[in-house]
Amino acid sequence: MSTAVDDSAAFREQGNQAFKQGHFQEAIDRYTDAINILNDLQLTEINKNDLTKCYSNRSQCYINLGQYDDAVEDATRGT
């Protein structure tokens, strides 16, 4: 049985794959799925690190789509 952390990692990996294929909206959706799971967990150092990666990756997707306000918002949240 998978845990929430495993699920978030799977979503993040799906986001990474979509990003590599240039499917930025799909990547945003998967990173958002991971962020939603991580936000519901008690934050540990590992979860915080994963959350930061998801926000950073999603920010880059927004940049690639020209959605700069969203990119700045995620980049700021990810720190």
N, C-alpha and C. Protein backbone atom coordinates (compact mmCIF):
# COMPACT_ATOMS: atom_id res chain seq x y z
N MET A 1 0.85 -1.19 0.00
CA MET A 1 0.00 0.00 0.00
C MET A 1 0.89 1.24 0.00
N SER A 2 0.61 2.16 -0.88
CA SER A 2 1.45 3.35 -1.00
C SER A 2 1.06 4.39 0.04
N THR A 3 2.03 5.19 0.41
CA THR A 3 1.79 6.28 1.34
C THR A 3 1.59 7.57 0.57
N ALA A 4 1.14 8.59 1.28
CA ALA A 4 0.94 9.89 0.64
C ALA A 4 2.25 10.42 0.07
N VAL A 5 3.35 10.18 0.78
CA VAL A 5 4.66 10.63 0.29
C VAL A 5 5.02 9.91 -1.00
N ASP A 6 4.75 8.62 -1.05
CA ASP A 6 4.99 7.85 -2.29
C ASP A 6 4.14 8.39 -3.44
N ASP A 7 2.88 8.69 -3.13
CA ASP A 7 1.98 9.22 -4.16
C ASP A 7 2.49 10.57 -4.67
N SER A 8 2.92 11.43 -3.75
CA SER A 8 3.42 12.74 -4.18
C SER A 8 4.66 12.59 -5.03
N ALA A 9 5.54 11.66 -4.67
CA ALA A 9 6.75 11.42 -5.46
C ALA A 9 6.39 10.90 -6.85
N ALA A 10 5.38 10.05 -6.92
CA ALA A 10 4.95 9.52 -8.23
C ALA A 10 4.39 10.65 -9.10
N PHE A 11 3.59 11.52 -8.50
CA PHE A 11 3.05 12.65 -9.26
C PHE A 11 4.19 13.57 -9.73
N ARG A 12 5.16 13.81 -8.85
CA ARG A 12 6.28 14.68 -9.23
C ARG A 12 7.06 14.07 -10.39
N GLU A 13 7.28 12.76 -10.35
CA GLU A 13 7.99 12.09 -11.43
C GLU A 13 7.19 12.16 -12.74
N GLN A 14 5.87 12.00 -12.65
CA GLN A 14 5.02 12.15 -13.84
C GLN A 14 5.14 13.57 -14.39
N GLY A 15 5.20 14.54 -13.49
CA GLY A 15 5.40 15.93 -13.91
C GLY A 15 6.73 16.11 -14.60
N ASN A 16 7.76 15.49 -14.06
CA ASN A 16 9.10 15.58 -14.67
C ASN A 16 9.09 15.01 -16.09
N GLN A 17 8.42 13.87 -16.25
CA GLN A 17 8.36 13.23 -17.57
C GLN A 17 7.59 14.10 -18.56
N ALA A 18 6.47 14.66 -18.10
CA ALA A 18 5.68 15.53 -18.97
C ALA A 18 6.49 16.77 -19.36
N PHE A 19 7.24 17.31 -18.41
CA PHE A 19 8.08 18.49 -18.68
C PHE A 19 9.10 18.17 -19.76
N LYS A 20 9.76 17.02 -19.62
CA LYS A 20 10.80 16.62 -20.59
C LYS A 20 10.22 16.48 -22.00
N GLN A 21 8.93 16.13 -22.07
CA GLN A 21 8.27 15.97 -23.37
C GLN A 21 7.66 17.27 -23.88
N GLY A 22 7.82 18.34 -23.10
CA GLY A 22 7.28 19.62 -23.52
C GLY A 22 5.79 19.79 -23.24
N HIS A 23 5.23 18.90 -22.44
CA HIS A 23 3.81 18.98 -22.07
C HIS A 23 3.69 19.75 -20.76
N PHE A 24 3.83 21.06 -20.86
CA PHE A 24 3.96 21.88 -19.66
C PHE A 24 2.67 21.96 -18.84
N GLN A 25 1.51 22.02 -19.48
CA GLN A 25 0.27 22.07 -18.71
C GLN A 25 0.05 20.76 -17.96
N GLU A 26 0.34 19.64 -18.61
CA GLU A 26 0.22 18.35 -17.94
C GLU A 26 1.20 18.29 -16.75
N ALA A 27 2.40 18.80 -16.94
CA ALA A 27 3.39 18.82 -15.86
C ALA A 27 2.88 19.68 -14.70
N ILE A 28 2.29 20.83 -15.02
CA ILE A 28 1.72 21.70 -13.98
C ILE A 28 0.67 20.93 -13.19
N ASP A 29 -0.18 20.21 -13.89
CA ASP A 29 -1.24 19.45 -13.22
C ASP A 29 -0.67 18.39 -12.28
N ARG A 30 0.37 17.69 -12.71
CA ARG A 30 0.96 16.66 -11.86
C ARG A 30 1.71 17.27 -10.67
N TYR A 31 2.44 18.37 -10.91
CA TYR A 31 3.11 19.04 -9.79
C TYR A 31 2.08 19.56 -8.79
N THR A 32 0.96 20.05 -9.30
CA THR A 32 -0.11 20.53 -8.42
C THR A 32 -0.67 19.38 -7.59
N ASP A 33 -0.85 18.21 -8.20
CA ASP A 33 -1.30 17.04 -7.45
C ASP A 33 -0.33 16.73 -6.31
N ALA A 34 0.95 16.75 -6.61
CA ALA A 34 1.97 16.48 -5.59
C ALA A 34 1.95 17.54 -4.49
N ILE A 35 1.84 18.80 -4.88
CA ILE A 35 1.80 19.90 -3.91
C ILE A 35 0.59 19.75 -2.99
N ASN A 36 -0.55 19.40 -3.54
CA ASN A 36 -1.75 19.24 -2.73
C ASN A 36 -1.58 18.14 -1.68
N ILE A 37 -0.96 17.05 -2.07
CA ILE A 37 -0.70 15.96 -1.12
C ILE A 37 0.28 16.43 -0.04
N LEU A 38 1.37 17.05 -0.46
CA LEU A 38 2.40 17.47 0.50
C LEU A 38 1.88 18.53 1.46
N ASN A 39 1.01 19.41 0.99
CA ASN A 39 0.45 20.44 1.85
C ASN A 39 -0.44 19.86 2.94
N ASP A 40 -0.97 18.66 2.71
CA ASP A 40 -1.83 18.02 3.71
C ASP A 40 -1.03 17.24 4.76
N LEU A 41 0.27 17.09 4.54
CA LEU A 41 1.11 16.32 5.46
C LEU A 41 1.76 17.24 6.48
N GLN A 42 2.12 16.64 7.60
CA GLN A 42 2.95 17.37 8.55
C GLN A 42 4.33 17.50 7.90
N LEU A 43 4.84 18.73 7.86
CA LEU A 43 6.07 18.96 7.11
C LEU A 43 7.30 18.48 7.87
N THR A 44 8.04 17.61 7.22
CA THR A 44 9.36 17.20 7.67
C THR A 44 10.36 17.86 6.74
N GLU A 45 11.62 17.71 7.02
CA GLU A 45 12.64 18.27 6.12
C GLU A 45 12.52 17.67 4.72
N ILE A 46 12.27 16.38 4.63
CA ILE A 46 12.14 15.72 3.32
C ILE A 46 10.92 16.26 2.58
N ASN A 47 9.79 16.35 3.28
CA ASN A 47 8.58 16.86 2.63
C ASN A 47 8.76 18.30 2.19
N LYS A 48 9.43 19.11 3.03
CA LYS A 48 9.68 20.51 2.67
C LYS A 48 10.53 20.60 1.42
N ASN A 49 11.54 19.74 1.34
CA ASN A 49 12.42 19.70 0.17
C ASN A 49 11.64 19.31 -1.08
N ASP A 50 10.78 18.30 -0.95
CA ASP A 50 9.95 17.88 -2.08
C ASP A 50 8.99 18.98 -2.51
N LEU A 51 8.41 19.67 -1.53
CA LEU A 51 7.49 20.75 -1.82
C LEU A 51 8.20 21.88 -2.57
N THR A 52 9.40 22.21 -2.13
CA THR A 52 10.19 23.24 -2.80
C THR A 52 10.48 22.85 -4.24
N LYS A 53 10.84 21.59 -4.46
CA LYS A 53 11.12 21.12 -5.84
C LYS A 53 9.87 21.23 -6.71
N CYS A 54 8.73 20.86 -6.15
CA CYS A 54 7.48 20.92 -6.93
C CYS A 54 7.15 22.35 -7.32
N TYR A 55 7.27 23.27 -6.35
CA TYR A 55 6.98 24.68 -6.67
C TYR A 55 7.97 25.22 -7.70
N SER A 56 9.23 24.86 -7.55
CA SER A 56 10.25 25.32 -8.48
C SER A 56 9.99 24.78 -9.89
N ASN A 57 9.70 23.49 -9.97
CA ASN A 57 9.44 22.88 -11.27
C ASN A 57 8.18 23.46 -11.91
N ARG A 58 7.15 23.66 -11.08
CA ARG A 58 5.91 24.23 -11.63
C ARG A 58 6.14 25.67 -12.10
N SER A 59 6.98 26.39 -11.37
CA SER A 59 7.33 27.75 -11.76
C SER A 59 7.97 27.76 -13.15
N GLN A 60 8.88 26.83 -13.40
CA GLN A 60 9.53 26.75 -14.71
C GLN A 60 8.53 26.45 -15.81
N CYS A 61 7.55 25.60 -15.52
CA CYS A 61 6.50 25.31 -16.50
C CYS A 61 5.73 26.58 -16.84
N TYR A 62 5.39 27.36 -15.80
CA TYR A 62 4.67 28.61 -16.04
C TYR A 62 5.50 29.56 -16.89
N ILE A 63 6.80 29.62 -16.63
CA ILE A 63 7.69 30.46 -17.45
C ILE A 63 7.62 30.02 -18.91
N ASN A 64 7.71 28.72 -19.12
CA ASN A 64 7.69 28.19 -20.49
C ASN A 64 6.37 28.48 -21.20
N LEU A 65 5.30 28.66 -20.44
CA LEU A 65 3.99 28.97 -21.02
C LEU A 65 3.71 30.48 -21.04
N GLY A 66 4.68 31.27 -20.58
CA GLY A 66 4.52 32.71 -20.58
C GLY A 66 3.61 33.23 -19.48
N GLN A 67 3.37 32.42 -18.46
CA GLN A 67 2.50 32.80 -17.34
C GLN A 67 3.38 33.28 -16.18
N TYR A 68 3.91 34.48 -16.36
CA TYR A 68 4.97 34.96 -15.47
C TYR A 68 4.49 35.28 -14.06
N ASP A 69 3.27 35.78 -13.90
CA ASP A 69 2.77 36.06 -12.55
C ASP A 69 2.69 34.78 -11.73
N ASP A 70 2.18 33.71 -12.35
CA ASP A 70 2.11 32.42 -11.66
C ASP A 70 3.50 31.89 -11.36
N ALA A 71 4.43 32.10 -12.29
CA ALA A 71 5.80 31.64 -12.09
C ALA A 71 6.44 32.33 -10.89
N VAL A 72 6.25 33.64 -10.79
CA VAL A 72 6.83 34.39 -9.66
C VAL A 72 6.20 33.93 -8.35
N GLU A 73 4.89 33.72 -8.37
CA GLU A 73 4.20 33.28 -7.16
C GLU A 73 4.75 31.95 -6.66
N ASP A 74 4.93 30.99 -7.57
CA ASP A 74 5.47 29.67 -7.18
C ASP A 74 6.93 29.78 -6.76
N ALA A 75 7.70 30.58 -7.47
CA ALA A 75 9.12 30.73 -7.13
C ALA A 75 9.26 31.33 -5.72
N THR A 76 8.37 32.23 -5.39
CA THR A 76 8.40 32.85 -4.06
C THR A 76 7.95 31.86 -2.99
N ARG A 77 6.96 31.06 -3.29
CA ARG A 77 6.47 30.05 -2.33
C ARG A 77 7.48 28.96 -2.09
N GLY A 78 8.25 28.65 -3.10
CA GLY A 78 9.18 27.54 -3.01
C GLY A 78 10.43 27.80 -2.21
N THR A 79 10.56 28.99 -1.68
CA THR A 79 11.77 29.31 -0.91
C THR A 79 11.54 29.22 0.57
